[in-house]
Amino acid sequence: MGLLRSVLLLAVGVMMAAIVGSVIISWLRMFRVRVPYGNPLVRLIDDTANVMLRPIRNAIPVTGGGLDFSPLVALIILSILRAIILGLPI
C-alpha cells in the first residue's frame, strides 16, 4: 500500500507543479515575455496541465474580465485529493 500511496502522491505533485507552471507561463505571455510555443518543455507543461484544466474550463465559464479560475479549482481539487491520500481530515 505504501508504494501505491507514493505513486499517487507523486502524480498529484506533478500535476500541481504543471498547473502552477502553466499559470506562470500564461502570465509571462500576458506581459509579452517571449515564451516560444514550440519549446518542448513549455509544451510538456501545458499538455500536462491541460489534462485536468480542459474539463474544468468546459464546466466553468471564463468571467467577463477574462479571468480563468480553472487553475484555482484544479489546485483545490488536487489538494483535497492529496489530503485524502495522506489520510488527513478535510
N, C-alpha and C. Protein backbone atom coordinates (compact mmCIF):
# COMPACT_ATOMS: atom_id res chain seq x y z
N MET A 1 0.83 -1.20 0.00
CA MET A 1 0.00 0.00 0.00
C MET A 1 0.87 1.25 0.00
N GLY A 2 2.05 1.18 0.57
CA GLY A 2 2.94 2.33 0.62
C GLY A 2 3.40 2.77 -0.75
N LEU A 3 3.66 1.81 -1.64
CA LEU A 3 4.10 2.14 -2.99
C LEU A 3 2.99 2.84 -3.77
N LEU A 4 1.78 2.32 -3.66
CA LEU A 4 0.64 2.95 -4.35
C LEU A 4 0.42 4.37 -3.86
N ARG A 5 0.50 4.55 -2.57
CA ARG A 5 0.33 5.90 -1.98
C ARG A 5 1.41 6.84 -2.51
N SER A 6 2.65 6.36 -2.56
CA SER A 6 3.75 7.19 -3.04
C SER A 6 3.57 7.57 -4.51
N VAL A 7 3.14 6.62 -5.32
CA VAL A 7 2.92 6.89 -6.74
C VAL A 7 1.79 7.90 -6.92
N LEU A 8 0.71 7.73 -6.17
CA LEU A 8 -0.41 8.68 -6.27
C LEU A 8 0.00 10.07 -5.82
N LEU A 9 0.76 10.16 -4.74
CA LEU A 9 1.23 11.47 -4.27
C LEU A 9 2.17 12.12 -5.29
N LEU A 10 3.00 11.31 -5.92
CA LEU A 10 3.89 11.82 -6.97
C LEU A 10 3.07 12.36 -8.14
N ALA A 11 2.06 11.62 -8.55
CA ALA A 11 1.21 12.06 -9.67
C ALA A 11 0.49 13.37 -9.34
N VAL A 12 -0.02 13.47 -8.12
CA VAL A 12 -0.71 14.69 -7.70
C VAL A 12 0.29 15.85 -7.67
N GLY A 13 1.48 15.61 -7.15
CA GLY A 13 2.50 16.65 -7.10
C GLY A 13 2.94 17.12 -8.47
N VAL A 14 3.11 16.20 -9.40
CA VAL A 14 3.49 16.55 -10.76
C VAL A 14 2.39 17.39 -11.42
N MET A 15 1.13 16.99 -11.20
CA MET A 15 0.02 17.74 -11.79
C MET A 15 -0.06 19.14 -11.20
N MET A 16 0.14 19.26 -9.88
CA MET A 16 0.11 20.58 -9.24
C MET A 16 1.24 21.47 -9.79
N ALA A 17 2.42 20.90 -9.93
CA ALA A 17 3.55 21.66 -10.46
C ALA A 17 3.29 22.09 -11.90
N ALA A 18 2.69 21.21 -12.70
CA ALA A 18 2.39 21.55 -14.09
C ALA A 18 1.36 22.68 -14.16
N ILE A 19 0.37 22.65 -13.28
CA ILE A 19 -0.64 23.71 -13.29
C ILE A 19 -0.02 25.04 -12.89
N VAL A 20 0.80 25.05 -11.85
CA VAL A 20 1.47 26.29 -11.44
C VAL A 20 2.39 26.78 -12.56
N GLY A 21 3.11 25.86 -13.17
CA GLY A 21 3.98 26.24 -14.29
C GLY A 21 3.20 26.81 -15.46
N SER A 22 2.06 26.23 -15.76
CA SER A 22 1.22 26.72 -16.84
C SER A 22 0.70 28.13 -16.54
N VAL A 23 0.34 28.37 -15.29
CA VAL A 23 -0.12 29.72 -14.90
C VAL A 23 1.02 30.72 -15.06
N ILE A 24 2.21 30.37 -14.62
CA ILE A 24 3.35 31.27 -14.75
C ILE A 24 3.66 31.55 -16.21
N ILE A 25 3.60 30.52 -17.05
CA ILE A 25 3.84 30.72 -18.48
C ILE A 25 2.80 31.65 -19.08
N SER A 26 1.54 31.49 -18.68
CA SER A 26 0.50 32.37 -19.23
C SER A 26 0.70 33.80 -18.76
N TRP A 27 1.15 33.99 -17.52
CA TRP A 27 1.44 35.34 -17.04
C TRP A 27 2.59 35.96 -17.82
N LEU A 28 3.63 35.17 -18.07
CA LEU A 28 4.76 35.68 -18.84
C LEU A 28 4.31 36.11 -20.23
N ARG A 29 3.47 35.30 -20.86
CA ARG A 29 2.95 35.66 -22.18
C ARG A 29 2.10 36.92 -22.11
N MET A 30 1.33 37.06 -21.03
CA MET A 30 0.47 38.24 -20.87
C MET A 30 1.31 39.51 -20.77
N PHE A 31 2.48 39.41 -20.14
CA PHE A 31 3.37 40.56 -20.01
C PHE A 31 4.36 40.64 -21.17
N ARG A 32 4.04 39.94 -22.26
CA ARG A 32 4.78 39.98 -23.51
C ARG A 32 6.22 39.50 -23.40
N VAL A 33 6.46 38.60 -22.46
CA VAL A 33 7.76 37.93 -22.40
C VAL A 33 7.71 36.82 -23.45
N ARG A 34 8.74 36.72 -24.23
CA ARG A 34 8.75 35.74 -25.32
C ARG A 34 8.94 34.33 -24.76
N VAL A 35 7.86 33.56 -24.79
CA VAL A 35 7.89 32.15 -24.40
C VAL A 35 7.45 31.36 -25.62
N PRO A 36 8.39 30.70 -26.30
CA PRO A 36 8.04 30.03 -27.56
C PRO A 36 7.08 28.86 -27.35
N TYR A 37 6.04 28.82 -28.19
CA TYR A 37 5.06 27.74 -28.10
C TYR A 37 5.65 26.40 -28.48
N GLY A 38 6.66 26.41 -29.33
CA GLY A 38 7.24 25.17 -29.80
C GLY A 38 8.26 24.55 -28.85
N ASN A 39 8.60 25.24 -27.78
CA ASN A 39 9.57 24.72 -26.82
C ASN A 39 9.03 23.43 -26.21
N PRO A 40 9.81 22.34 -26.26
CA PRO A 40 9.32 21.06 -25.74
C PRO A 40 8.93 21.11 -24.25
N LEU A 41 9.67 21.86 -23.45
CA LEU A 41 9.34 21.94 -22.03
C LEU A 41 8.02 22.69 -21.81
N VAL A 42 7.84 23.77 -22.55
CA VAL A 42 6.59 24.54 -22.45
C VAL A 42 5.41 23.68 -22.90
N ARG A 43 5.59 22.95 -23.98
CA ARG A 43 4.52 22.07 -24.46
C ARG A 43 4.22 20.97 -23.46
N LEU A 44 5.25 20.40 -22.85
CA LEU A 44 5.04 19.35 -21.84
C LEU A 44 4.25 19.89 -20.65
N ILE A 45 4.63 21.07 -20.17
CA ILE A 45 3.92 21.67 -19.03
C ILE A 45 2.47 21.96 -19.40
N ASP A 46 2.25 22.60 -20.55
CA ASP A 46 0.89 22.93 -20.97
C ASP A 46 0.04 21.68 -21.21
N ASP A 47 0.61 20.70 -21.88
CA ASP A 47 -0.15 19.47 -22.16
C ASP A 47 -0.50 18.73 -20.87
N THR A 48 0.44 18.68 -19.93
CA THR A 48 0.18 18.00 -18.66
C THR A 48 -0.89 18.73 -17.87
N ALA A 49 -0.80 20.05 -17.80
CA ALA A 49 -1.79 20.83 -17.05
C ALA A 49 -3.16 20.76 -17.72
N ASN A 50 -3.20 20.77 -19.04
CA ASN A 50 -4.49 20.76 -19.74
C ASN A 50 -5.26 19.47 -19.58
N VAL A 51 -4.60 18.40 -19.18
CA VAL A 51 -5.32 17.15 -18.91
C VAL A 51 -6.39 17.40 -17.84
N MET A 52 -6.07 18.19 -16.85
CA MET A 52 -7.04 18.49 -15.78
C MET A 52 -7.78 19.80 -16.02
N LEU A 53 -7.13 20.77 -16.63
CA LEU A 53 -7.76 22.08 -16.78
C LEU A 53 -8.85 22.11 -17.84
N ARG A 54 -8.69 21.34 -18.90
CA ARG A 54 -9.67 21.40 -20.00
C ARG A 54 -11.08 21.03 -19.54
N PRO A 55 -11.29 19.93 -18.81
CA PRO A 55 -12.66 19.63 -18.36
C PRO A 55 -13.22 20.69 -17.40
N ILE A 56 -12.35 21.25 -16.58
CA ILE A 56 -12.80 22.29 -15.65
C ILE A 56 -13.18 23.54 -16.42
N ARG A 57 -12.40 23.88 -17.43
CA ARG A 57 -12.72 25.06 -18.26
C ARG A 57 -14.04 24.88 -19.00
N ASN A 58 -14.34 23.65 -19.39
CA ASN A 58 -15.62 23.39 -20.05
C ASN A 58 -16.79 23.55 -19.08
N ALA A 59 -16.55 23.25 -17.80
CA ALA A 59 -17.62 23.33 -16.81
C ALA A 59 -17.79 24.73 -16.23
N ILE A 60 -16.68 25.47 -16.12
CA ILE A 60 -16.72 26.81 -15.53
C ILE A 60 -16.37 27.82 -16.60
N PRO A 61 -17.31 28.69 -16.96
CA PRO A 61 -17.00 29.67 -17.99
C PRO A 61 -16.02 30.73 -17.49
N VAL A 62 -15.29 31.32 -18.42
CA VAL A 62 -14.38 32.42 -18.10
C VAL A 62 -15.21 33.63 -17.72
N THR A 63 -14.79 34.36 -16.69
CA THR A 63 -15.55 35.53 -16.24
C THR A 63 -15.47 36.65 -17.27
N GLY A 64 -16.32 37.65 -17.10
CA GLY A 64 -16.37 38.77 -18.03
C GLY A 64 -15.06 39.50 -18.17
N GLY A 65 -14.26 39.55 -17.12
CA GLY A 65 -12.98 40.25 -17.17
C GLY A 65 -11.87 39.41 -17.76
N GLY A 66 -12.18 38.20 -18.21
CA GLY A 66 -11.17 37.34 -18.80
C GLY A 66 -10.40 36.51 -17.79
N LEU A 67 -10.88 36.48 -16.55
CA LEU A 67 -10.19 35.69 -15.52
C LEU A 67 -10.56 34.21 -15.66
N ASP A 68 -9.55 33.38 -15.59
CA ASP A 68 -9.74 31.93 -15.69
C ASP A 68 -9.50 31.33 -14.31
N PHE A 69 -10.56 30.86 -13.69
CA PHE A 69 -10.45 30.29 -12.35
C PHE A 69 -10.18 28.79 -12.36
N SER A 70 -10.04 28.19 -13.54
CA SER A 70 -9.85 26.74 -13.60
C SER A 70 -8.56 26.27 -12.90
N PRO A 71 -7.43 27.00 -12.96
CA PRO A 71 -6.27 26.54 -12.20
C PRO A 71 -6.51 26.54 -10.70
N LEU A 72 -7.23 27.53 -10.20
CA LEU A 72 -7.54 27.58 -8.77
C LEU A 72 -8.43 26.40 -8.37
N VAL A 73 -9.45 26.13 -9.17
CA VAL A 73 -10.34 24.99 -8.89
C VAL A 73 -9.55 23.69 -8.95
N ALA A 74 -8.69 23.54 -9.94
CA ALA A 74 -7.90 22.32 -10.08
C ALA A 74 -6.97 22.12 -8.89
N LEU A 75 -6.32 23.21 -8.43
CA LEU A 75 -5.42 23.09 -7.28
C LEU A 75 -6.18 22.75 -6.01
N ILE A 76 -7.38 23.26 -5.86
CA ILE A 76 -8.20 22.91 -4.69
C ILE A 76 -8.58 21.43 -4.74
N ILE A 77 -9.00 20.96 -5.91
CA ILE A 77 -9.35 19.54 -6.06
C ILE A 77 -8.15 18.66 -5.77
N LEU A 78 -6.98 19.03 -6.31
CA LEU A 78 -5.77 18.23 -6.09
C LEU A 78 -5.34 18.27 -4.62
N SER A 79 -5.53 19.40 -3.96
CA SER A 79 -5.19 19.49 -2.53
C SER A 79 -6.09 18.59 -1.70
N ILE A 80 -7.37 18.55 -2.04
CA ILE A 80 -8.30 17.65 -1.34
C ILE A 80 -7.93 16.20 -1.60
N LEU A 81 -7.61 15.88 -2.85
CA LEU A 81 -7.19 14.52 -3.19
C LEU A 81 -5.93 14.13 -2.44
N ARG A 82 -4.99 15.05 -2.35
CA ARG A 82 -3.74 14.78 -1.61
C ARG A 82 -4.03 14.52 -0.14
N ALA A 83 -4.94 15.29 0.45
CA ALA A 83 -5.30 15.08 1.86
C ALA A 83 -5.96 13.73 2.04
N ILE A 84 -6.79 13.32 1.11
CA ILE A 84 -7.45 12.01 1.20
C ILE A 84 -6.40 10.91 1.13
N ILE A 85 -5.45 11.03 0.19
CA ILE A 85 -4.39 10.02 0.04
C ILE A 85 -3.57 9.92 1.32
N LEU A 86 -3.26 11.07 1.92
CA LEU A 86 -2.47 11.08 3.16
C LEU A 86 -3.28 10.69 4.39
N GLY A 87 -4.60 10.63 4.25
CA GLY A 87 -5.45 10.27 5.38
C GLY A 87 -5.66 11.41 6.34
N LEU A 88 -5.52 12.65 5.86
CA LEU A 88 -5.71 13.81 6.72
C LEU A 88 -7.19 14.17 6.76
N PRO A 89 -7.64 14.74 7.86
CA PRO A 89 -9.03 15.21 7.90
C PRO A 89 -9.20 16.42 6.98
N ILE A 90 -10.30 16.45 6.29
CA ILE A 90 -10.53 17.52 5.31
C ILE A 90 -11.32 18.64 5.95
